Amino acid sequence: MIVAKNLSFSYQHQTILHDVSLSLCPGELVCLVGANGSGKTTLLSLFAGLLTPFQGTITLNDQSITTLSRRDIAQQISFLSQNYIMTMPFPVKDIVMMGRYPFTTWLASTSKEDLALANQAMTQCHVDVFADKSFTQLSTGEQRRVLLAQAFCQNTPLLFFDEPTASLDPSHAITLFSTIQNQVRTKNRTALITTHDLTLASRFADRVILLHDQTICLDGDPLSVLSSSEAETALDTTLHISTLPKNNQPFVMPW
């Protein structure tokens, strides 16, 4: 379990987040939504221990995250950033296998478990078909799926993904959220995902958290949050919410 209490954070005297309190439990898929600049990536980075709050605390399994090493954190949290630059032409399978680094020593050989996790992750993200291909030869969307496979290969209880469907086509975006949901439910993991795809959030999330005015504006059931006047104010648009007649799945249309 990861818990944040009274978090505040600023960049060069500009307040990004103020007095944010939030807890994430096993078995939850939580989507973090808000306008550009509302602090979604900052909050995710704080939770991953990549930034240090100016005020407040974050505890991971009752330990302050500031006391944990990067290796300790990486054994608990898989973090997928929006921005990733790789100029070395490593094969896809090697990029995915890097997800196992927090669990191995420098000279250790690859174990059967590591190989099984890597192969499973590549299959889940549909990148096994170009496992031997150079990462730099892939399209942006294909590279994104490889990095998602690396995060799944890390096999941690916490999944923190920053706009994971960016650059993905609709089919792979749906598959990704379905895979995350399956991991959360079958392996009792926790997922915190920033996204601008409100339909995917309404369909797959257990909770939606809305950031506005430097803090959490709403936190609750996806459709309750997204159908609120606060959501339209925070996102500066009208949201039309309906369901598909074929399967009664919700969809959200900004208008």
C-alpha atoms as a PDB file:
ATOM      1  CA  MET A   1       0.000   0.000   0.000  1.00  0.00           C
ATOM      2  CA  ILE A   2       1.245   3.493  -0.800  1.00  0.00           C
ATOM      3  CA  VAL A   3      -0.005   6.554   1.083  1.00  0.00           C
ATOM      4  CA  ALA A   4       0.615  10.261   0.520  1.00  0.00           C
ATOM      5  CA  LYS A   5      -0.245  12.849   3.149  1.00  0.00           C
ATOM      6  CA  ASN A   6      -0.372  16.618   2.642  1.00  0.00           C
ATOM      7  CA  LEU A   7       1.969  16.693  -0.361  1.00  0.00           C
ATOM      8  CA  SER A   8       3.094  20.009  -1.785  1.00  0.00           C
ATOM      9  CA  PHE A   9       5.554  20.555  -4.609  1.00  0.00           C
ATOM     10  CA  SER A  10       6.862  23.545  -6.559  1.00  0.00           C
ATOM     11  CA  TYR A  11       9.093  24.166  -9.550  1.00  0.00           C
ATOM     12  CA  GLN A  12      11.150  27.363  -9.152  1.00  0.00           C
ATOM     13  CA  HIS A  13       8.644  28.938  -6.748  1.00  0.00           C
ATOM     14  CA  GLN A  14       5.663  27.968  -8.927  1.00  0.00           C
ATOM     15  CA  THR A  15       3.344  25.749  -6.920  1.00  0.00           C
ATOM     16  CA  ILE A  16       2.299  22.634  -8.850  1.00  0.00           C
ATOM     17  CA  LEU A  17       0.630  20.603  -6.103  1.00  0.00           C
ATOM     18  CA  HIS A  18      -0.666  21.719  -2.717  1.00  0.00           C
ATOM     19  CA  ASP A  19      -1.913  19.657   0.228  1.00  0.00           C
ATOM     20  CA  VAL A  20      -2.533  16.447  -1.732  1.00  0.00           C
ATOM     21  CA  SER A  21      -3.473  13.349   0.282  1.00  0.00           C
ATOM     22  CA  LEU A  22      -4.077  10.021  -1.402  1.00  0.00           C
ATOM     23  CA  SER A  23      -3.846   6.292  -0.730  1.00  0.00           C
ATOM     24  CA  LEU A  24      -3.641   3.449  -3.238  1.00  0.00           C
ATOM     25  CA  CYS A  25      -4.568  -0.100  -2.274  1.00  0.00           C
ATOM     26  CA  PRO A  26      -3.867  -3.498  -3.863  1.00  0.00           C
ATOM     27  CA  GLY A  27      -6.454  -4.527  -6.429  1.00  0.00           C
ATOM     28  CA  GLU A  28      -7.132  -0.970  -7.647  1.00  0.00           C
ATOM     29  CA  LEU A  29      -6.777   0.532 -11.122  1.00  0.00           C
ATOM     30  CA  VAL A  30      -6.809   4.293 -10.637  1.00  0.00           C
ATOM     31  CA  CYS A  31      -6.767   6.864 -13.430  1.00  0.00           C
ATOM     32  CA  LEU A  32      -5.415  10.340 -12.842  1.00  0.00           C
ATOM     33  CA  VAL A  33      -6.999  12.963 -15.105  1.00  0.00           C
ATOM     34  CA  GLY A  34      -6.759  16.722 -15.465  1.00  0.00           C
ATOM     35  CA  ALA A  35      -5.808  19.470 -17.867  1.00  0.00           C
ATOM     36  CA  ASN A  36      -2.272  19.945 -19.156  1.00  0.00           C
ATOM     37  CA  GLY A  37      -0.149  21.392 -16.379  1.00  0.00           C
ATOM     38  CA  SER A  38      -2.469  20.238 -13.600  1.00  0.00           C
ATOM     39  CA  GLY A  39       0.295  18.203 -11.936  1.00  0.00           C
ATOM     40  CA  LYS A  40      -0.484  14.642 -13.061  1.00  0.00           C
ATOM     41  CA  THR A  41       3.075  13.746 -14.091  1.00  0.00           C
ATOM     42  CA  THR A  42       4.488  15.507 -11.037  1.00  0.00           C
ATOM     43  CA  LEU A  43       2.238  13.529  -8.692  1.00  0.00           C
ATOM     44  CA  LEU A  44       3.147  10.268 -10.431  1.00  0.00           C
ATOM     45  CA  SER A  45       6.855  11.124 -10.159  1.00  0.00           C
ATOM     46  CA  LEU A  46       6.476  11.902  -6.456  1.00  0.00           C
ATOM     47  CA  PHE A  47       4.796   8.540  -5.899  1.00  0.00           C
ATOM     48  CA  ALA A  48       7.625   6.812  -7.757  1.00  0.00           C
ATOM     49  CA  GLY A  49      10.250   8.495  -5.581  1.00  0.00           C
ATOM     50  CA  LEU A  50      11.699  10.424  -8.524  1.00  0.00           C
ATOM     51  CA  LEU A  51      10.875  13.779  -6.930  1.00  0.00           C
ATOM     52  CA  THR A  52      10.939  14.816  -3.282  1.00  0.00           C
ATOM     53  CA  PRO A  53       7.952  16.730  -1.911  1.00  0.00           C
ATOM     54  CA  PHE A  54       8.565  20.156  -0.385  1.00  0.00           C
ATOM     55  CA  GLN A  55       6.014  19.252   2.252  1.00  0.00           C
ATOM     56  CA  GLY A  56       4.235  16.070   3.232  1.00  0.00           C
ATOM     57  CA  THR A  57       5.125  12.392   3.298  1.00  0.00           C
ATOM     58  CA  ILE A  58       4.837   9.306   1.109  1.00  0.00           C
ATOM     59  CA  THR A  59       5.018   5.846   2.664  1.00  0.00           C
ATOM     60  CA  LEU A  60       5.376   2.577   0.794  1.00  0.00           C
ATOM     61  CA  ASN A  61       4.368  -0.397   2.915  1.00  0.00           C
ATOM     62  CA  ASP A  62       4.715   1.802   6.032  1.00  0.00           C
ATOM     63  CA  GLN A  63       8.233   2.958   5.102  1.00  0.00           C
ATOM     64  CA  SER A  64       9.053   6.492   4.043  1.00  0.00           C
ATOM     65  CA  ILE A  65       9.883   6.372   0.353  1.00  0.00           C
ATOM     66  CA  THR A  66      12.755   8.809   0.961  1.00  0.00           C
ATOM     67  CA  THR A  67      14.569   6.145   3.008  1.00  0.00           C
ATOM     68  CA  LEU A  68      14.451   3.526   0.259  1.00  0.00           C
ATOM     69  CA  SER A  69      17.161   2.962  -2.348  1.00  0.00           C
ATOM     70  CA  ARG A  70      16.381   3.166  -6.063  1.00  0.00           C
ATOM     71  CA  ARG A  71      16.791  -0.624  -6.212  1.00  0.00           C
ATOM     72  CA  ASP A  72      14.311  -1.111  -3.355  1.00  0.00           C
ATOM     73  CA  ILE A  73      11.804   1.165  -5.061  1.00  0.00           C
ATOM     74  CA  ALA A  74      12.308  -0.528  -8.450  1.00  0.00           C
ATOM     75  CA  GLN A  75      11.519  -3.883  -6.872  1.00  0.00           C
ATOM     76  CA  GLN A  76       8.141  -2.477  -5.826  1.00  0.00           C
ATOM     77  CA  ILE A  77       7.254   0.054  -8.544  1.00  0.00           C
ATOM     78  CA  SER A  78       7.296  -0.151 -12.342  1.00  0.00           C
ATOM     79  CA  PHE A  79       7.371   3.397 -13.720  1.00  0.00           C
ATOM     80  CA  LEU A  80       6.719   4.261 -17.360  1.00  0.00           C
ATOM     81  CA  SER A  81       7.600   7.829 -18.279  1.00  0.00           C
ATOM     82  CA  GLN A  82       6.118   9.860 -21.116  1.00  0.00           C
ATOM     83  CA  ASN A  83       9.617  10.618 -22.367  1.00  0.00           C
ATOM     84  CA  TYR A  84      12.137   7.912 -23.150  1.00  0.00           C
ATOM     85  CA  ILE A  85      15.139   8.313 -25.435  1.00  0.00           C
ATOM     86  CA  MET A  86      17.074   5.270 -26.617  1.00  0.00           C
ATOM     87  CA  THR A  87      19.734   5.800 -29.273  1.00  0.00           C
ATOM     88  CA  MET A  88      21.578   2.486 -28.877  1.00  0.00           C
ATOM     89  CA  PRO A  89      20.246  -0.200 -31.260  1.00  0.00           C
ATOM     90  CA  PHE A  90      19.506  -2.833 -28.620  1.00  0.00           C
ATOM     91  CA  PRO A  91      17.255  -5.720 -29.676  1.00  0.00           C
ATOM     92  CA  VAL A  92      13.692  -5.525 -28.386  1.00  0.00           C
ATOM     93  CA  LYS A  93      14.118  -8.638 -26.239  1.00  0.00           C
ATOM     94  CA  ASP A  94      17.097  -7.018 -24.458  1.00  0.00           C
ATOM     95  CA  ILE A  95      15.131  -3.831 -23.770  1.00  0.00           C
ATOM     96  CA  VAL A  96      12.329  -5.890 -22.246  1.00  0.00           C
ATOM     97  CA  MET A  97      14.785  -7.940 -20.172  1.00  0.00           C
ATOM     98  CA  MET A  98      16.100  -4.713 -18.616  1.00  0.00           C
ATOM     99  CA  GLY A  99      12.952  -4.827 -16.512  1.00  0.00           C
ATOM    100  CA  ARG A 100      14.606  -7.601 -14.491  1.00  0.00           C
ATOM    101  CA  TYR A 101      17.683  -5.536 -13.548  1.00  0.00           C
ATOM    102  CA  PRO A 102      16.382  -4.547 -10.078  1.00  0.00           C
ATOM    103  CA  PHE A 103      16.252  -8.247  -9.166  1.00  0.00           C
ATOM    104  CA  THR A 104      19.650  -9.385 -10.461  1.00  0.00           C
ATOM    105  CA  THR A 105      23.303  -8.784  -9.662  1.00  0.00           C
ATOM    106  CA  TRP A 106      25.770  -7.400 -12.156  1.00  0.00           C
ATOM    107  CA  LEU A 107      27.368 -10.738 -13.086  1.00  0.00           C
ATOM    108  CA  ALA A 108      24.309 -12.958 -12.633  1.00  0.00           C
ATOM    109  CA  SER A 109      23.096 -14.967 -15.623  1.00  0.00           C
ATOM    110  CA  THR A 110      19.531 -14.741 -16.851  1.00  0.00           C
ATOM    111  CA  SER A 111      17.278 -17.161 -14.994  1.00  0.00           C
ATOM    112  CA  LYS A 112      14.468 -19.261 -16.420  1.00  0.00           C
ATOM    113  CA  GLU A 113      12.016 -17.116 -14.465  1.00  0.00           C
ATOM    114  CA  ASP A 114      13.445 -13.942 -16.029  1.00  0.00           C
ATOM    115  CA  LEU A 115      13.106 -15.406 -19.523  1.00  0.00           C
ATOM    116  CA  ALA A 116       9.553 -16.559 -18.827  1.00  0.00           C
ATOM    117  CA  LEU A 117       8.534 -13.116 -17.543  1.00  0.00           C
ATOM    118  CA  ALA A 118      10.121 -11.401 -20.548  1.00  0.00           C
ATOM    119  CA  ASN A 119       8.443 -13.727 -23.050  1.00  0.00           C
ATOM    120  CA  GLN A 120       5.082 -13.351 -21.328  1.00  0.00           C
ATOM    121  CA  ALA A 121       5.384  -9.550 -21.303  1.00  0.00           C
ATOM    122  CA  MET A 122       6.342  -9.428 -24.987  1.00  0.00           C
ATOM    123  CA  THR A 123       3.354 -11.590 -25.869  1.00  0.00           C
ATOM    124  CA  GLN A 124       0.983  -9.448 -23.777  1.00  0.00           C
ATOM    125  CA  CYS A 125       2.156  -6.285 -25.535  1.00  0.00           C
ATOM    126  CA  HIS A 126       2.278  -7.899 -28.999  1.00  0.00           C
ATOM    127  CA  VAL A 127       5.985  -7.207 -29.497  1.00  0.00           C
ATOM    128  CA  ASP A 128       7.178 -10.815 -29.559  1.00  0.00           C
ATOM    129  CA  VAL A 129       6.967 -10.804 -33.354  1.00  0.00           C
ATOM    130  CA  PHE A 130       9.911  -8.401 -33.544  1.00  0.00           C
ATOM    131  CA  ALA A 131      11.838  -9.548 -30.457  1.00  0.00           C
ATOM    132  CA  ASP A 132      15.128  -9.648 -32.393  1.00  0.00           C
ATOM    133  CA  LYS A 133      14.604  -6.347 -34.178  1.00  0.00           C
ATOM    134  CA  SER A 134      16.487  -3.206 -33.171  1.00  0.00           C
ATOM    135  CA  PHE A 135      14.493  -0.883 -30.898  1.00  0.00           C
ATOM    136  CA  THR A 136      15.574   2.122 -32.960  1.00  0.00           C
ATOM    137  CA  GLN A 137      14.011   0.647 -36.113  1.00  0.00           C
ATOM    138  CA  LEU A 138      10.518   0.585 -34.620  1.00  0.00           C
ATOM    139  CA  SER A 139       7.759   3.143 -34.959  1.00  0.00           C
ATOM    140  CA  THR A 140       6.947   5.386 -31.985  1.00  0.00           C
ATOM    141  CA  GLY A 141       3.887   3.306 -31.132  1.00  0.00           C
ATOM    142  CA  GLU A 142       5.852   0.040 -31.355  1.00  0.00           C
ATOM    143  CA  GLN A 143       8.577   1.475 -29.119  1.00  0.00           C
ATOM    144  CA  ARG A 144       5.923   2.441 -26.602  1.00  0.00           C
ATOM    145  CA  ARG A 145       4.643  -1.127 -26.508  1.00  0.00           C
ATOM    146  CA  VAL A 146       8.193  -2.432 -25.956  1.00  0.00           C
ATOM    147  CA  LEU A 147       8.599  -0.126 -22.950  1.00  0.00           C
ATOM    148  CA  LEU A 148       5.262  -1.315 -21.606  1.00  0.00           C
ATOM    149  CA  ALA A 149       6.497  -4.891 -21.970  1.00  0.00           C
ATOM    150  CA  GLN A 150       9.618  -3.918 -20.023  1.00  0.00           C
ATOM    151  CA  ALA A 151       7.417  -2.546 -17.212  1.00  0.00           C
ATOM    152  CA  PHE A 152       5.327  -5.736 -17.136  1.00  0.00           C
ATOM    153  CA  CYS A 153       8.524  -7.824 -17.145  1.00  0.00           C
ATOM    154  CA  GLN A 154       9.611  -5.975 -13.989  1.00  0.00           C
ATOM    155  CA  ASN A 155       6.710  -7.795 -12.317  1.00  0.00           C
ATOM    156  CA  THR A 156       6.158  -5.370  -9.432  1.00  0.00           C
ATOM    157  CA  PRO A 157       3.090  -4.924  -7.215  1.00  0.00           C
ATOM    158  CA  LEU A 158       2.758  -1.247  -8.223  1.00  0.00           C
ATOM    159  CA  LEU A 159       2.367  -0.030 -11.812  1.00  0.00           C
ATOM    160  CA  PHE A 160       2.763   3.733 -12.391  1.00  0.00           C
ATOM    161  CA  PHE A 161       2.249   4.640 -16.053  1.00  0.00           C
ATOM    162  CA  ASP A 162       2.351   8.199 -17.431  1.00  0.00           C
ATOM    163  CA  GLU A 163       0.024   8.413 -20.448  1.00  0.00           C
ATOM    164  CA  PRO A 164       0.800   4.848 -21.562  1.00  0.00           C
ATOM    165  CA  THR A 165      -1.556   4.974 -24.558  1.00  0.00           C
ATOM    166  CA  ALA A 166       0.194   7.967 -26.138  1.00  0.00           C
ATOM    167  CA  SER A 167       1.153   6.981 -29.719  1.00  0.00           C
ATOM    168  CA  LEU A 168      -0.844   3.737 -29.543  1.00  0.00           C
ATOM    169  CA  ASP A 169      -3.534   2.911 -32.084  1.00  0.00           C
ATOM    170  CA  PRO A 170      -7.051   2.297 -30.671  1.00  0.00           C
ATOM    171  CA  SER A 171      -6.744  -1.489 -30.719  1.00  0.00           C
ATOM    172  CA  HIS A 172      -3.487  -1.561 -28.770  1.00  0.00           C
ATOM    173  CA  ALA A 173      -4.713   1.146 -26.364  1.00  0.00           C
ATOM    174  CA  ILE A 174      -7.722  -0.991 -25.429  1.00  0.00           C
ATOM    175  CA  THR A 175      -5.550  -4.111 -25.178  1.00  0.00           C
ATOM    176  CA  LEU A 176      -3.133  -2.281 -22.892  1.00  0.00           C
ATOM    177  CA  PHE A 177      -5.836  -1.169 -20.460  1.00  0.00           C
ATOM    178  CA  SER A 178      -7.379  -4.631 -20.537  1.00  0.00           C
ATOM    179  CA  THR A 179      -3.978  -6.181 -19.734  1.00  0.00           C
ATOM    180  CA  ILE A 180      -3.412  -3.765 -16.842  1.00  0.00           C
ATOM    181  CA  GLN A 181      -6.909  -4.453 -15.502  1.00  0.00           C
ATOM    182  CA  ASN A 182      -6.266  -8.199 -15.701  1.00  0.00           C
ATOM    183  CA  GLN A 183      -2.964  -7.843 -13.813  1.00  0.00           C
ATOM    184  CA  VAL A 184      -4.643  -5.744 -11.127  1.00  0.00           C
ATOM    185  CA  ARG A 185      -7.474  -8.215 -10.629  1.00  0.00           C
ATOM    186  CA  THR A 186      -5.664 -11.532 -10.947  1.00  0.00           C
ATOM    187  CA  LYS A 187      -2.409 -10.564  -9.196  1.00  0.00           C
ATOM    188  CA  ASN A 188      -3.803  -8.020  -6.726  1.00  0.00           C
ATOM    189  CA  ARG A 189      -1.592  -5.257  -8.079  1.00  0.00           C
ATOM    190  CA  THR A 190      -2.076  -1.506  -7.910  1.00  0.00           C
ATOM    191  CA  ALA A 191      -2.076   0.674 -11.027  1.00  0.00           C
ATOM    192  CA  LEU A 192      -1.957   4.467 -11.173  1.00  0.00           C
ATOM    193  CA  ILE A 193      -2.285   5.767 -14.717  1.00  0.00           C
ATOM    194  CA  THR A 194      -2.350   9.311 -16.061  1.00  0.00           C
ATOM    195  CA  THR A 195      -4.484   9.635 -19.165  1.00  0.00           C
ATOM    196  CA  HIS A 196      -6.417  12.018 -21.376  1.00  0.00           C
ATOM    197  CA  ASP A 197      -8.524   9.165 -22.770  1.00  0.00           C
ATOM    198  CA  LEU A 198     -11.635   9.606 -20.666  1.00  0.00           C
ATOM    199  CA  THR A 199     -13.496   6.749 -22.336  1.00  0.00           C
ATOM    200  CA  LEU A 200     -10.782   4.241 -21.396  1.00  0.00           C
ATOM    201  CA  ALA A 201     -10.726   5.694 -17.890  1.00  0.00           C
ATOM    202  CA  SER A 202     -14.497   5.317 -17.534  1.00  0.00           C
ATOM    203  CA  ARG A 203     -14.404   1.790 -18.908  1.00  0.00           C
ATOM    204  CA  PHE A 204     -11.463   0.265 -17.032  1.00  0.00           C
ATOM    205  CA  ALA A 205     -10.734   2.319 -13.899  1.00  0.00           C
ATOM    206  CA  ASP A 206     -12.010   1.512 -10.433  1.00  0.00           C
ATOM    207  CA  ARG A 207     -11.426   5.124  -9.404  1.00  0.00           C
ATOM    208  CA  VAL A 208     -10.804   8.372 -11.231  1.00  0.00           C
ATOM    209  CA  ILE A 209      -8.922  11.193  -9.546  1.00  0.00           C
ATOM    210  CA  LEU A 210      -9.381  14.680 -10.973  1.00  0.00           C
ATOM    211  CA  LEU A 211      -6.629  17.256 -10.444  1.00  0.00           C
ATOM    212  CA  HIS A 212      -7.492  20.953 -10.586  1.00  0.00           C
ATOM    213  CA  ASP A 213      -6.189  24.115  -8.938  1.00  0.00           C
ATOM    214  CA  GLN A 214      -3.078  22.336  -7.630  1.00  0.00           C
ATOM    215  CA  THR A 215      -4.923  19.655  -5.687  1.00  0.00           C
ATOM    216  CA  ILE A 216      -7.352  16.748  -5.875  1.00  0.00           C
ATOM    217  CA  CYS A 217     -10.714  18.114  -6.917  1.00  0.00           C
ATOM    218  CA  LEU A 218     -12.626  14.818  -6.995  1.00  0.00           C
ATOM    219  CA  ASP A 219     -11.818  11.179  -6.248  1.00  0.00           C
ATOM    220  CA  GLY A 220     -14.376   8.451  -6.813  1.00  0.00           C
ATOM    221  CA  ASP A 221     -16.366   6.290  -9.181  1.00  0.00           C
ATOM    222  CA  PRO A 222     -15.339   7.064 -12.801  1.00  0.00           C
ATOM    223  CA  LEU A 223     -18.748   8.050 -14.131  1.00  0.00           C
ATOM    224  CA  SER A 224     -19.590  10.093 -11.037  1.00  0.00           C
ATOM    225  CA  VAL A 225     -16.365  12.081 -11.386  1.00  0.00           C
ATOM    226  CA  LEU A 226     -16.526  12.512 -15.160  1.00  0.00           C
ATOM    227  CA  SER A 227     -20.207  13.503 -15.209  1.00  0.00           C
ATOM    228  CA  SER A 228     -19.668  16.258 -12.639  1.00  0.00           C
ATOM    229  CA  SER A 229     -19.656  19.979 -13.301  1.00  0.00           C
ATOM    230  CA  GLU A 230     -16.228  20.065 -11.632  1.00  0.00           C
ATOM    231  CA  ALA A 231     -14.823  17.831 -14.393  1.00  0.00           C
ATOM    232  CA  GLU A 232     -16.115  20.136 -17.120  1.00  0.00           C
ATOM    233  CA  THR A 233     -14.646  23.128 -15.303  1.00  0.00           C
ATOM    234  CA  ALA A 234     -11.274  21.456 -14.727  1.00  0.00           C
ATOM    235  CA  LEU A 235     -11.012  20.186 -18.304  1.00  0.00           C
ATOM    236  CA  ASP A 236     -12.536  23.366 -19.782  1.00  0.00           C
ATOM    237  CA  THR A 237     -14.908  21.477 -22.048  1.00  0.00           C
ATOM    238  CA  THR A 238     -18.371  19.937 -22.142  1.00  0.00           C
ATOM    239  CA  LEU A 239     -18.388  16.183 -21.563  1.00  0.00           C
ATOM    240  CA  HIS A 240     -21.093  14.083 -23.160  1.00  0.00           C
ATOM    241  CA  ILE A 241     -21.420  10.703 -21.433  1.00  0.00           C
ATOM    242  CA  SER A 242     -23.455   7.827 -22.830  1.00  0.00           C
ATOM    243  CA  THR A 243     -23.365   4.046 -23.243  1.00  0.00           C
ATOM    244  CA  LEU A 244     -22.990   1.825 -26.269  1.00  0.00           C
ATOM    245  CA  PRO A 245     -26.249   0.000 -27.094  1.00  0.00           C
ATOM    246  CA  LYS A 246     -24.484  -3.253 -27.952  1.00  0.00           C
ATOM    247  CA  ASN A 247     -22.714  -3.879 -24.624  1.00  0.00           C
ATOM    248  CA  ASN A 248     -23.738  -0.986 -22.370  1.00  0.00           C
ATOM    249  CA  GLN A 249     -20.116   0.167 -22.090  1.00  0.00           C
ATOM    250  CA  PRO A 250     -19.721   3.856 -21.217  1.00  0.00           C
ATOM    251  CA  PHE A 251     -18.026   6.380 -23.453  1.00  0.00           C
ATOM    252  CA  VAL A 252     -17.095   9.998 -22.844  1.00  0.00           C
ATOM    253  CA  MET A 253     -17.105  12.530 -25.667  1.00  0.00           C
ATOM    254  CA  PRO A 254     -15.531  15.950 -25.087  1.00  0.00           C
ATOM    255  CA  TRP A 255     -17.563  18.546 -26.962  1.00  0.00           C
END
